[in-house]
PDB file of all heavy atoms in Angstrom:
ATOM      1  N   VAL A   1       9.853  -6.800  -7.738  1.00  0.00           N
ATOM      2  CA  VAL A   1       9.215  -6.123  -8.881  1.00  0.00           C
ATOM      3  C   VAL A   1       7.891  -5.490  -8.452  1.00  0.00           C
ATOM      4  O   VAL A   1       7.587  -4.344  -8.792  1.00  0.00           O
ATOM      5  CB  VAL A   1       8.988  -7.113 -10.040  1.00  0.00           C
ATOM      6  CG1 VAL A   1       8.106  -6.485 -11.114  1.00  0.00           C
ATOM      7  CG2 VAL A   1      10.318  -7.539 -10.653  1.00  0.00           C
ATOM      8  N   ARG A   2       7.092  -6.247  -7.696  1.00  0.00           N
ATOM      9  CA  ARG A   2       5.786  -5.730  -7.256  1.00  0.00           C
ATOM     10  C   ARG A   2       5.941  -4.522  -6.334  1.00  0.00           C
ATOM     11  O   ARG A   2       5.208  -3.534  -6.446  1.00  0.00           O
ATOM     12  CB  ARG A   2       5.005  -6.833  -6.542  1.00  0.00           C
ATOM     13  CG  ARG A   2       4.551  -7.969  -7.448  1.00  0.00           C
ATOM     14  CD  ARG A   2       3.591  -8.876  -6.701  1.00  0.00           C
ATOM     15  NE  ARG A   2       3.268 -10.084  -7.447  1.00  0.00           N
ATOM     16  CZ  ARG A   2       2.342 -10.966  -7.081  1.00  0.00           C
ATOM     17  NH1 ARG A   2       1.661 -10.770  -5.966  1.00  0.00           N
ATOM     18  NH2 ARG A   2       2.105 -12.039  -7.797  1.00  0.00           N
ATOM     19  N   LEU A   3       6.886  -4.617  -5.393  1.00  0.00           N
ATOM     20  CA  LEU A   3       7.106  -3.500  -4.468  1.00  0.00           C
ATOM     21  C   LEU A   3       7.528  -2.242  -5.213  1.00  0.00           C
ATOM     22  O   LEU A   3       7.065  -1.135  -4.910  1.00  0.00           O
ATOM     23  CB  LEU A   3       8.169  -3.885  -3.430  1.00  0.00           C
ATOM     24  CG  LEU A   3       7.729  -4.844  -2.318  1.00  0.00           C
ATOM     25  CD1 LEU A   3       8.938  -5.318  -1.524  1.00  0.00           C
ATOM     26  CD2 LEU A   3       6.716  -4.187  -1.390  1.00  0.00           C
ATOM     27  N   GLN A   4       8.416  -2.394  -6.187  1.00  0.00           N
ATOM     28  CA  GLN A   4       8.877  -1.244  -6.944  1.00  0.00           C
ATOM     29  C   GLN A   4       7.747  -0.631  -7.752  1.00  0.00           C
ATOM     30  O   GLN A   4       7.646   0.601  -7.873  1.00  0.00           O
ATOM     31  CB  GLN A   4      10.029  -1.648  -7.878  1.00  0.00           C
ATOM     32  CG  GLN A   4      10.754  -0.456  -8.480  1.00  0.00           C
ATOM     33  CD  GLN A   4      11.380   0.440  -7.418  1.00  0.00           C
ATOM     34  OE1 GLN A   4      12.191  -0.002  -6.611  1.00  0.00           O
ATOM     35  NE2 GLN A   4      10.986   1.719  -7.399  1.00  0.00           N
ATOM     36  N   TYR A   5       6.853  -1.469  -8.267  1.00  0.00           N
ATOM     37  CA  TYR A   5       5.691  -0.977  -9.016  1.00  0.00           C
ATOM     38  C   TYR A   5       4.799  -0.134  -8.105  1.00  0.00           C
ATOM     39  O   TYR A   5       4.329   0.944  -8.495  1.00  0.00           O
ATOM     40  CB  TYR A   5       4.898  -2.144  -9.598  1.00  0.00           C
ATOM     41  CG  TYR A   5       3.655  -1.702 -10.339  1.00  0.00           C
ATOM     42  CD1 TYR A   5       3.726  -1.277 -11.674  1.00  0.00           C
ATOM     43  CD2 TYR A   5       2.416  -1.689  -9.711  1.00  0.00           C
ATOM     44  CE1 TYR A   5       2.589  -0.857 -12.351  1.00  0.00           C
ATOM     45  CE2 TYR A   5       1.274  -1.270 -10.374  1.00  0.00           C
ATOM     46  CZ  TYR A   5       1.362  -0.855 -11.702  1.00  0.00           C
ATOM     47  OH  TYR A   5       0.233  -0.431 -12.367  1.00  0.00           O
ATOM     48  N   VAL A   6       4.555  -0.616  -6.895  1.00  0.00           N
ATOM     49  CA  VAL A   6       3.730   0.119  -5.943  1.00  0.00           C
ATOM     50  C   VAL A   6       4.380   1.462  -5.612  1.00  0.00           C
ATOM     51  O   VAL A   6       3.712   2.503  -5.612  1.00  0.00           O
ATOM     52  CB  VAL A   6       3.509  -0.702  -4.654  1.00  0.00           C
ATOM     53  CG1 VAL A   6       2.740   0.137  -3.628  1.00  0.00           C
ATOM     54  CG2 VAL A   6       2.734  -1.979  -4.960  1.00  0.00           C
ATOM     55  N   LEU A   7       5.672   1.465  -5.353  1.00  0.00           N
ATOM     56  CA  LEU A   7       6.368   2.712  -5.022  1.00  0.00           C
ATOM     57  C   LEU A   7       6.289   3.726  -6.163  1.00  0.00           C
ATOM     58  O   LEU A   7       6.154   4.931  -5.930  1.00  0.00           O
ATOM     59  CB  LEU A   7       7.835   2.411  -4.693  1.00  0.00           C
ATOM     60  CG  LEU A   7       8.094   1.704  -3.359  1.00  0.00           C
ATOM     61  CD1 LEU A   7       9.550   1.244  -3.275  1.00  0.00           C
ATOM     62  CD2 LEU A   7       7.766   2.621  -2.187  1.00  0.00           C
ATOM     63  N   ASN A   8       6.355   3.240  -7.381  1.00  0.00           N
ATOM     64  CA  ASN A   8       6.349   4.132  -8.551  1.00  0.00           C
ATOM     65  C   ASN A   8       4.962   4.698  -8.854  1.00  0.00           C
ATOM     66  O   ASN A   8       4.846   5.779  -9.439  1.00  0.00           O
ATOM     67  CB  ASN A   8       6.867   3.400  -9.784  1.00  0.00           C
ATOM     68  CG  ASN A   8       8.348   3.058  -9.680  1.00  0.00           C
ATOM     69  OD1 ASN A   8       9.067   3.632  -8.861  1.00  0.00           O
ATOM     70  ND2 ASN A   8       8.808   2.118 -10.486  1.00  0.00           N
ATOM     71  N   ASN A   9       3.888   3.977  -8.490  1.00  0.00           N
ATOM     72  CA  ASN A   9       2.548   4.338  -8.959  1.00  0.00           C
ATOM     73  C   ASN A   9       1.533   4.647  -7.858  1.00  0.00           C
ATOM     74  O   ASN A   9       0.417   5.058  -8.165  1.00  0.00           O
ATOM     75  CB  ASN A   9       1.988   3.200  -9.832  1.00  0.00           C
ATOM     76  CG  ASN A   9       2.820   2.953 -11.076  1.00  0.00           C
ATOM     77  OD1 ASN A   9       2.707   3.676 -12.064  1.00  0.00           O
ATOM     78  ND2 ASN A   9       3.666   1.941 -11.033  1.00  0.00           N
ATOM     79  N   PHE A  10       1.914   4.437  -6.614  1.00  0.00           N
ATOM     80  CA  PHE A  10       0.934   4.547  -5.528  1.00  0.00           C
ATOM     81  C   PHE A  10       0.352   5.954  -5.399  1.00  0.00           C
ATOM     82  O   PHE A  10      -0.864   6.128  -5.258  1.00  0.00           O
ATOM     83  CB  PHE A  10       1.600   4.142  -4.203  1.00  0.00           C
ATOM     84  CG  PHE A  10       0.633   4.001  -3.062  1.00  0.00           C
ATOM     85  CD1 PHE A  10      -0.107   2.848  -2.903  1.00  0.00           C
ATOM     86  CD2 PHE A  10       0.479   5.022  -2.129  1.00  0.00           C
ATOM     87  CE1 PHE A  10      -0.993   2.707  -1.842  1.00  0.00           C
ATOM     88  CE2 PHE A  10      -0.396   4.893  -1.073  1.00  0.00           C
ATOM     89  CZ  PHE A  10      -1.137   3.733  -0.926  1.00  0.00           C
ATOM     90  N   GLU A  11       1.178   6.959  -5.452  1.00  0.00           N
ATOM     91  CA  GLU A  11       0.739   8.329  -5.161  1.00  0.00           C
ATOM     92  C   GLU A  11      -0.362   8.815  -6.105  1.00  0.00           C
ATOM     93  O   GLU A  11      -1.314   9.477  -5.685  1.00  0.00           O
ATOM     94  CB  GLU A  11       1.941   9.284  -5.243  1.00  0.00           C
ATOM     95  CG  GLU A  11       1.602  10.691  -4.805  1.00  0.00           C
ATOM     96  CD  GLU A  11       2.826  11.608  -4.791  1.00  0.00           C
ATOM     97  OE1 GLU A  11       3.949  11.100  -4.994  1.00  0.00           O
ATOM     98  OE2 GLU A  11       2.645  12.814  -4.586  1.00  0.00           O
ATOM     99  N   LYS A  12      -0.284   8.441  -7.392  1.00  0.00           N
ATOM    100  CA  LYS A  12      -1.230   8.948  -8.384  1.00  0.00           C
ATOM    101  C   LYS A  12      -2.415   8.002  -8.615  1.00  0.00           C
ATOM    102  O   LYS A  12      -3.315   8.318  -9.400  1.00  0.00           O
ATOM    103  CB  LYS A  12      -0.511   9.196  -9.710  1.00  0.00           C
ATOM    104  CG  LYS A  12       0.547  10.294  -9.621  1.00  0.00           C
ATOM    105  CD  LYS A  12       1.230  10.511 -10.963  1.00  0.00           C
ATOM    106  CE  LYS A  12       2.297  11.607 -10.861  1.00  0.00           C
ATOM    107  NZ  LYS A  12       2.981  11.827 -12.167  1.00  0.00           N
ATOM    108  N   ALA A  13      -2.441   6.871  -7.952  1.00  0.00           N
ATOM    109  CA  ALA A  13      -3.488   5.867  -8.176  1.00  0.00           C
ATOM    110  C   ALA A  13      -4.787   6.250  -7.463  1.00  0.00           C
ATOM    111  O   ALA A  13      -4.798   7.044  -6.520  1.00  0.00           O
ATOM    112  CB  ALA A  13      -3.012   4.508  -7.688  1.00  0.00           C
ATOM    113  N   THR A  14      -5.917   5.682  -7.934  1.00  0.00           N
ATOM    114  CA  THR A  14      -7.209   5.867  -7.266  1.00  0.00           C
ATOM    115  C   THR A  14      -7.235   5.012  -5.994  1.00  0.00           C
ATOM    116  O   THR A  14      -6.429   4.085  -5.847  1.00  0.00           O
ATOM    117  CB  THR A  14      -8.357   5.419  -8.171  1.00  0.00           C
ATOM    118  OG1 THR A  14      -8.257   3.999  -8.396  1.00  0.00           O
ATOM    119  CG2 THR A  14      -8.309   6.154  -9.510  1.00  0.00           C
ATOM    120  N   PRO A  15      -8.180   5.294  -5.071  1.00  0.00           N
ATOM    121  CA  PRO A  15      -8.273   4.462  -3.864  1.00  0.00           C
ATOM    122  C   PRO A  15      -8.413   2.975  -4.176  1.00  0.00           C
ATOM    123  O   PRO A  15      -7.789   2.140  -3.515  1.00  0.00           O
ATOM    124  CB  PRO A  15      -9.508   5.007  -3.157  1.00  0.00           C
ATOM    125  CG  PRO A  15      -9.580   6.438  -3.572  1.00  0.00           C
ATOM    126  CD  PRO A  15      -9.104   6.452  -5.000  1.00  0.00           C
ATOM    127  N   GLU A  16      -9.229   2.638  -5.169  1.00  0.00           N
ATOM    128  CA  GLU A  16      -9.407   1.229  -5.524  1.00  0.00           C
ATOM    129  C   GLU A  16      -8.105   0.626  -6.051  1.00  0.00           C
ATOM    130  O   GLU A  16      -7.733  -0.503  -5.693  1.00  0.00           O
ATOM    131  CB  GLU A  16     -10.506   1.084  -6.576  1.00  0.00           C
ATOM    132  CG  GLU A  16     -10.834  -0.373  -6.891  1.00  0.00           C
ATOM    133  CD  GLU A  16     -12.008  -0.505  -7.842  1.00  0.00           C
ATOM    134  OE1 GLU A  16     -12.557   0.537  -8.267  1.00  0.00           O
ATOM    135  OE2 GLU A  16     -12.366  -1.645  -8.165  1.00  0.00           O
ATOM    136  N   GLU A  17      -7.395   1.377  -6.892  1.00  0.00           N
ATOM    137  CA  GLU A  17      -6.114   0.886  -7.414  1.00  0.00           C
ATOM    138  C   GLU A  17      -5.082   0.733  -6.305  1.00  0.00           C
ATOM    139  O   GLU A  17      -4.299  -0.222  -6.286  1.00  0.00           O
ATOM    140  CB  GLU A  17      -5.600   1.856  -8.488  1.00  0.00           C
ATOM    141  CG  GLU A  17      -6.414   1.832  -9.775  1.00  0.00           C
ATOM    142  CD  GLU A  17      -6.043   2.970 -10.717  1.00  0.00           C
ATOM    143  OE1 GLU A  17      -5.434   3.971 -10.248  1.00  0.00           O
ATOM    144  OE2 GLU A  17      -6.360   2.868 -11.917  1.00  0.00           O
ATOM    145  N   LYS A  18      -5.076   1.674  -5.356  1.00  0.00           N
ATOM    146  CA  LYS A  18      -4.147   1.577  -4.220  1.00  0.00           C
ATOM    147  C   LYS A  18      -4.414   0.318  -3.408  1.00  0.00           C
ATOM    148  O   LYS A  18      -3.485  -0.373  -2.974  1.00  0.00           O
ATOM    149  CB  LYS A  18      -4.276   2.819  -3.326  1.00  0.00           C
ATOM    150  CG  LYS A  18      -3.701   4.088  -3.927  1.00  0.00           C
ATOM    151  CD  LYS A  18      -3.863   5.266  -2.970  1.00  0.00           C
ATOM    152  CE  LYS A  18      -3.253   6.539  -3.555  1.00  0.00           C
ATOM    153  NZ  LYS A  18      -3.393   7.707  -2.651  1.00  0.00           N
ATOM    154  N   ASN A  19      -5.698   0.020  -3.211  1.00  0.00           N
ATOM    155  CA  ASN A  19      -6.070  -1.168  -2.447  1.00  0.00           C
ATOM    156  C   ASN A  19      -5.570  -2.437  -3.136  1.00  0.00           C
ATOM    157  O   ASN A  19      -5.034  -3.350  -2.490  1.00  0.00           O
ATOM    158  CB  ASN A  19      -7.590  -1.218  -2.270  1.00  0.00           C
ATOM    159  CG  ASN A  19      -8.032  -2.339  -1.369  1.00  0.00           C
ATOM    160  OD1 ASN A  19      -8.622  -3.318  -1.827  1.00  0.00           O
ATOM    161  ND2 ASN A  19      -7.770  -2.219  -0.087  1.00  0.00           N
ATOM    162  N   ILE A  20      -5.714  -2.482  -4.450  1.00  0.00           N
ATOM    163  CA  ILE A  20      -5.248  -3.643  -5.226  1.00  0.00           C
ATOM    164  C   ILE A  20      -3.725  -3.757  -5.139  1.00  0.00           C
ATOM    165  O   ILE A  20      -3.165  -4.841  -4.971  1.00  0.00           O
ATOM    166  CB  ILE A  20      -5.703  -3.528  -6.697  1.00  0.00           C
ATOM    167  CG1 ILE A  20      -7.236  -3.644  -6.774  1.00  0.00           C
ATOM    168  CG2 ILE A  20      -5.042  -4.606  -7.551  1.00  0.00           C
ATOM    169  CD1 ILE A  20      -7.800  -3.334  -8.145  1.00  0.00           C
ATOM    170  N   MET A  21      -3.040  -2.609  -5.253  1.00  0.00           N
ATOM    171  CA  MET A  21      -1.575  -2.600  -5.170  1.00  0.00           C
ATOM    172  C   MET A  21      -1.095  -3.146  -3.826  1.00  0.00           C
ATOM    173  O   MET A  21      -0.188  -3.973  -3.757  1.00  0.00           O
ATOM    174  CB  MET A  21      -1.038  -1.176  -5.361  1.00  0.00           C
ATOM    175  CG  MET A  21      -1.122  -0.642  -6.766  1.00  0.00           C
ATOM    176  SD  MET A  21      -0.403   1.032  -6.802  1.00  0.00           S
ATOM    177  CE  MET A  21      -0.955   1.584  -8.415  1.00  0.00           C
ATOM    178  N   LEU A  22      -1.702  -2.638  -2.749  1.00  0.00           N
ATOM    179  CA  LEU A  22      -1.282  -3.065  -1.408  1.00  0.00           C
ATOM    180  C   LEU A  22      -1.473  -4.571  -1.227  1.00  0.00           C
ATOM    181  O   LEU A  22      -0.612  -5.264  -0.693  1.00  0.00           O
ATOM    182  CB  LEU A  22      -2.068  -2.301  -0.341  1.00  0.00           C
ATOM    183  CG  LEU A  22      -1.736  -0.819  -0.194  1.00  0.00           C
ATOM    184  CD1 LEU A  22      -2.771  -0.108   0.687  1.00  0.00           C
ATOM    185  CD2 LEU A  22      -0.342  -0.627   0.383  1.00  0.00           C
ATOM    186  N   LYS A  23      -2.615  -5.072  -1.717  1.00  0.00           N
ATOM    187  CA  LYS A  23      -2.903  -6.505  -1.568  1.00  0.00           C
ATOM    188  C   LYS A  23      -2.042  -7.374  -2.475  1.00  0.00           C
ATOM    189  O   LYS A  23      -1.992  -8.589  -2.306  1.00  0.00           O
ATOM    190  CB  LYS A  23      -4.385  -6.762  -1.837  1.00  0.00           C
ATOM    191  CG  LYS A  23      -5.284  -6.219  -0.733  1.00  0.00           C
ATOM    192  CD  LYS A  23      -6.760  -6.475  -1.015  1.00  0.00           C
ATOM    193  CE  LYS A  23      -7.617  -5.986   0.148  1.00  0.00           C
ATOM    194  NZ  LYS A  23      -9.070  -6.176  -0.097  1.00  0.00           N
ATOM    195  N   SER A  24      -1.353  -6.744  -3.425  1.00  0.00           N
ATOM    196  CA  SER A  24      -0.459  -7.514  -4.301  1.00  0.00           C
ATOM    197  C   SER A  24       0.896  -7.780  -3.653  1.00  0.00           C
ATOM    198  O   SER A  24       1.683  -8.591  -4.151  1.00  0.00           O
ATOM    199  CB  SER A  24      -0.253  -6.768  -5.629  1.00  0.00           C
ATOM    200  OG  SER A  24       0.590  -5.627  -5.444  1.00  0.00           O
ATOM    201  N   VAL A  25       1.180  -7.082  -2.509  1.00  0.00           N
ATOM    202  CA  VAL A  25       2.498  -7.249  -1.880  1.00  0.00           C
ATOM    203  C   VAL A  25       2.424  -7.619  -0.396  1.00  0.00           C
ATOM    204  O   VAL A  25       3.404  -8.075   0.179  1.00  0.00           O
ATOM    205  CB  VAL A  25       3.365  -5.979  -2.038  1.00  0.00           C
ATOM    206  CG1 VAL A  25       3.757  -5.780  -3.491  1.00  0.00           C
ATOM    207  CG2 VAL A  25       2.643  -4.750  -1.491  1.00  0.00           C
ATOM    208  N   VAL A  26       1.273  -7.387   0.243  1.00  0.00           N
ATOM    209  CA  VAL A  26       1.171  -7.699   1.676  1.00  0.00           C
ATOM    210  C   VAL A  26      -0.087  -8.508   1.966  1.00  0.00           C
ATOM    211  O   VAL A  26      -1.078  -8.431   1.235  1.00  0.00           O
ATOM    212  CB  VAL A  26       1.154  -6.415   2.548  1.00  0.00           C
ATOM    213  CG1 VAL A  26       2.371  -5.562   2.305  1.00  0.00           C
ATOM    214  CG2 VAL A  26      -0.126  -5.620   2.329  1.00  0.00           C
ATOM    215  N   ARG A  27      -0.027  -9.284   3.046  1.00  0.00           N
ATOM    216  CA  ARG A  27      -1.231  -9.941   3.550  1.00  0.00           C
ATOM    217  C   ARG A  27      -1.961  -9.001   4.509  1.00  0.00           C
ATOM    218  O   ARG A  27      -3.147  -8.773   4.385  1.00  0.00           O
ATOM    219  CB  ARG A  27      -0.873 -11.243   4.281  1.00  0.00           C
ATOM    220  CG  ARG A  27      -0.442 -12.356   3.348  1.00  0.00           C
ATOM    221  CD  ARG A  27      -0.215 -13.656   4.097  1.00  0.00           C
ATOM    222  NE  ARG A  27       0.166 -14.692   3.148  1.00  0.00           N
ATOM    223  CZ  ARG A  27       1.384 -14.886   2.698  1.00  0.00           C
ATOM    224  NH1 ARG A  27       2.371 -14.108   3.145  1.00  0.00           N
ATOM    225  NH2 ARG A  27       1.650 -15.821   1.819  1.00  0.00           N
ATOM    226  N   LYS A  28      -1.208  -8.483   5.466  1.00  0.00           N
ATOM    227  CA  LYS A  28      -1.772  -7.555   6.443  1.00  0.00           C
ATOM    228  C   LYS A  28      -0.691  -6.569   6.881  1.00  0.00           C
ATOM    229  O   LYS A  28       0.496  -6.875   6.829  1.00  0.00           O
ATOM    230  CB  LYS A  28      -2.296  -8.290   7.686  1.00  0.00           C
ATOM    231  CG  LYS A  28      -3.572  -9.078   7.471  1.00  0.00           C
ATOM    232  CD  LYS A  28      -4.041  -9.686   8.794  1.00  0.00           C
ATOM    233  CE  LYS A  28      -5.349 -10.444   8.619  1.00  0.00           C
ATOM    234  NZ  LYS A  28      -5.836 -11.022   9.904  1.00  0.00           N
ATOM    235  N   ILE A  29      -1.149  -5.415   7.338  1.00  0.00           N
ATOM    236  CA  ILE A  29      -0.271  -4.460   7.991  1.00  0.00           C
ATOM    237  C   ILE A  29      -0.887  -4.177   9.360  1.00  0.00           C
ATOM    238  O   ILE A  29      -2.071  -3.858   9.456  1.00  0.00           O
ATOM    239  CB  ILE A  29      -0.125  -3.152   7.197  1.00  0.00           C
ATOM    240  CG1 ILE A  29       0.446  -3.437   5.808  1.00  0.00           C
ATOM    241  CG2 ILE A  29       0.765  -2.170   7.941  1.00  0.00           C
ATOM    242  CD1 ILE A  29       0.563  -2.212   4.928  1.00  0.00           C
ATOM    243  N   TYR A  30      -0.094  -4.318  10.417  1.00  0.00           N
ATOM    244  CA  TYR A  30      -0.596  -4.106  11.783  1.00  0.00           C
ATOM    245  C   TYR A  30      -0.161  -2.735  12.290  1.00  0.00           C
ATOM    246  O   TYR A  30       1.003  -2.374  12.225  1.00  0.00           O
ATOM    247  CB  TYR A  30      -0.088  -5.208  12.707  1.00  0.00           C
ATOM    248  CG  TYR A  30      -0.679  -6.556  12.382  1.00  0.00           C
ATOM    249  CD1 TYR A  30       0.012  -7.455  11.582  1.00  0.00           C
ATOM    250  CD2 TYR A  30      -1.938  -6.912  12.858  1.00  0.00           C
ATOM    251  CE1 TYR A  30      -0.532  -8.688  11.266  1.00  0.00           C
ATOM    252  CE2 TYR A  30      -2.485  -8.141  12.548  1.00  0.00           C
ATOM    253  CZ  TYR A  30      -1.786  -9.025  11.750  1.00  0.00           C
ATOM    254  OH  TYR A  30      -2.325 -10.245  11.432  1.00  0.00           O
ATOM    255  N   TYR A  31      -1.143  -2.011  12.820  1.00  0.00           N
ATOM    256  CA  TYR A  31      -0.952  -0.616  13.226  1.00  0.00           C
ATOM    257  C   TYR A  31      -0.918  -0.487  14.743  1.00  0.00           C
ATOM    258  O   TYR A  31      -1.732  -1.089  15.447  1.00  0.00           O
ATOM    259  CB  TYR A  31      -2.114   0.198  12.669  1.00  0.00           C
ATOM    260  CG  TYR A  31      -2.216   1.641  13.133  1.00  0.00           C
ATOM    261  CD1 TYR A  31      -1.735   2.669  12.349  1.00  0.00           C
ATOM    262  CD2 TYR A  31      -2.834   1.969  14.344  1.00  0.00           C
ATOM    263  CE1 TYR A  31      -1.846   3.998  12.754  1.00  0.00           C
ATOM    264  CE2 TYR A  31      -2.951   3.290  14.763  1.00  0.00           C
ATOM    265  CZ  TYR A  31      -2.455   4.298  13.958  1.00  0.00           C
ATOM    266  OH  TYR A  31      -2.571   5.605  14.370  1.00  0.00           O
ATOM    267  N   SER A  32       0.016   0.303  15.237  1.00  0.00           N
ATOM    268  CA  SER A  32       0.001   0.647  16.662  1.00  0.00           C
ATOM    269  C   SER A  32       0.548   2.052  16.848  1.00  0.00           C
ATOM    270  O   SER A  32       1.487   2.468  16.165  1.00  0.00           O
ATOM    271  CB  SER A  32       0.805  -0.349  17.504  1.00  0.00           C
ATOM    272  OG  SER A  32       2.177  -0.238  17.231  1.00  0.00           O
ATOM    273  N   LYS A  33      -0.065   2.774  17.762  1.00  0.00           N
ATOM    274  CA  LYS A  33       0.378   4.127  18.087  1.00  0.00           C
ATOM    275  C   LYS A  33      -0.258   4.501  19.416  1.00  0.00           C
ATOM    276  O   LYS A  33      -1.467   4.394  19.588  1.00  0.00           O
ATOM    277  CB  LYS A  33      -0.064   5.114  16.994  1.00  0.00           C
ATOM    278  CG  LYS A  33       0.417   6.549  17.216  1.00  0.00           C
ATOM    279  CD  LYS A  33      -0.075   7.448  16.096  1.00  0.00           C
ATOM    280  CE  LYS A  33       0.353   8.891  16.340  1.00  0.00           C
ATOM    281  NZ  LYS A  33      -0.171   9.804  15.308  1.00  0.00           N
ATOM    282  N   SER A  34       0.554   4.925  20.369  1.00  0.00           N
ATOM    283  CA  SER A  34       0.034   5.213  21.707  1.00  0.00           C
ATOM    284  C   SER A  34       0.179   6.682  22.108  1.00  0.00           C
ATOM    285  O   SER A  34      -0.360   7.095  23.132  1.00  0.00           O
ATOM    286  CB  SER A  34       0.749   4.348  22.760  1.00  0.00           C
ATOM    287  OG  SER A  34       2.144   4.615  22.752  1.00  0.00           O
ATOM    288  N   GLN A  35       0.887   7.459  21.299  1.00  0.00           N
ATOM    289  CA  GLN A  35       1.116   8.858  21.650  1.00  0.00           C
ATOM    290  C   GLN A  35       0.744   9.769  20.500  1.00  0.00           C
ATOM    291  O   GLN A  35       1.129   9.520  19.356  1.00  0.00           O
ATOM    292  CB  GLN A  35       2.585   9.094  22.011  1.00  0.00           C
ATOM    293  CG  GLN A  35       3.063   8.304  23.223  1.00  0.00           C
ATOM    294  CD  GLN A  35       4.541   8.480  23.468  1.00  0.00           C
ATOM    295  OE1 GLN A  35       5.179   9.303  22.832  1.00  0.00           O
ATOM    296  NE2 GLN A  35       5.081   7.694  24.384  1.00  0.00           N
ATOM    297  N   GLY A  36       0.004  10.830  20.805  1.00  0.00           N
ATOM    298  CA  GLY A  36      -0.315  11.837  19.800  1.00  0.00           C
ATOM    299  C   GLY A  36       0.627  13.017  19.915  1.00  0.00           C
ATOM    300  O   GLY A  36       1.357  13.153  20.900  1.00  0.00           O
TER     301      GLY A  36
END
């Protein structure tokens, strides 16, 4: 339910709301990228 809510509302949300949404479904996201 939480994931679907984020998918439905993320694009139009404010930065603060996006941050709250992300923290409602994940603990951390780990980033890696070695090629541009």
